[in-house]
Protein backbone atom coordinates (compact mmCIF):
# COMPACT_ATOMS: atom_id res chain seq x y z
CA MET A 1 0.20 -0.23 -0.09
CA GLU A 2 2.30 3.02 0.70
CA ILE A 3 4.09 2.03 -2.00
CA GLU A 4 1.42 2.29 -4.42
CA GLY A 5 1.27 5.98 -2.46
CA PHE A 6 4.69 6.21 -3.20
CA GLY A 7 3.81 5.94 -7.57
CA LYS A 8 0.99 8.09 -7.30
CA LEU A 9 3.22 10.80 -5.48
CA GLU A 10 6.32 10.34 -8.27
CA GLU A 11 3.58 10.52 -11.57
CA LYS A 12 1.99 14.16 -9.14
CA ILE A 13 5.24 15.06 -9.25
CA ASN A 14 6.57 14.23 -12.72
CA ASN A 15 3.40 16.19 -13.50
CA LEU A 16 4.12 18.89 -11.73
CA VAL A 17 8.07 18.95 -13.00
CA LYS A 18 6.11 18.46 -16.79
CA ALA A 19 3.53 21.21 -16.00
CA ILE A 20 6.36 23.81 -14.61
CA LYS A 21 8.97 23.03 -17.90
CA LEU A 22 5.93 24.28 -20.54
CA LEU A 23 5.11 27.25 -18.51
CA LYS A 24 8.83 27.98 -18.38
CA ASP A 25 9.31 27.88 -22.55
CA GLU A 26 5.41 30.15 -22.59
CA ASN A 27 6.99 32.74 -19.83
CA LYS A 28 9.97 32.56 -22.03
CA ARG A 29 8.36 33.01 -25.61
CA LEU A 30 5.94 35.79 -23.98
CA LYS A 31 8.61 37.98 -22.97
CA LEU A 32 10.70 37.64 -26.74
CA THR A 33 6.91 38.94 -28.12
CA ILE A 34 6.57 41.24 -25.50
CA GLU A 35 10.04 42.22 -26.20
CA LYS A 36 9.90 42.02 -30.31
CA THR A 37 6.28 44.48 -29.58
CA LYS A 38 8.05 46.93 -27.30
CA GLU A 39 10.70 47.48 -30.35
CA GLU A 40 7.58 47.51 -33.63
CA SER A 41 6.36 49.88 -30.61
CA SER A 42 9.44 52.54 -30.53
CA HIS A 43 9.46 52.15 -34.83
CA ILE A 44 6.23 53.35 -35.77
CA ASN A 45 6.47 56.22 -32.28
CA SER A 46 9.41 56.74 -34.47
CA GLU A 47 7.64 56.79 -37.59
CA ARG A 48 4.13 58.76 -36.73
CA SER A 49 7.34 61.50 -34.73
CA GLU A 50 9.00 62.19 -38.13
CA ILE A 51 5.62 61.83 -39.76
CA LYS A 52 4.23 64.99 -37.75
CA LYS A 53 6.93 66.83 -38.07
CA LYS A 54 7.12 66.21 -42.27
CA ILE A 55 3.57 67.62 -41.46
CA SER A 56 3.62 70.96 -39.50
CA SER A 57 6.14 71.64 -41.81
CA LEU A 58 4.54 71.62 -44.68
CA ILE A 59 1.40 73.88 -42.48
CA ASP A 60 4.16 76.02 -41.78
CA LEU A 61 4.89 75.85 -45.79
CA ILE A 62 1.02 76.65 -46.09
CA ASP A 63 1.10 80.06 -43.78
CA SER A 64 4.14 81.18 -45.13
CA VAL A 65 2.33 81.36 -48.80
CA GLU A 66 -0.30 83.35 -47.86
């Protein structure tokens, strides 16, 4: 009976270890996704800033004509 209990405990521990490994892998993947998203966001913000500057310059050019 005791051996059977240890077998069940071993199975539960093995399942926990597998779950932990899966969670670690998922965590690593999510961290990479977050980092990539931050980089893309930074790039988009830079482009947006450049576009705003160009639009502002064009508006100033139009205003200078009047």
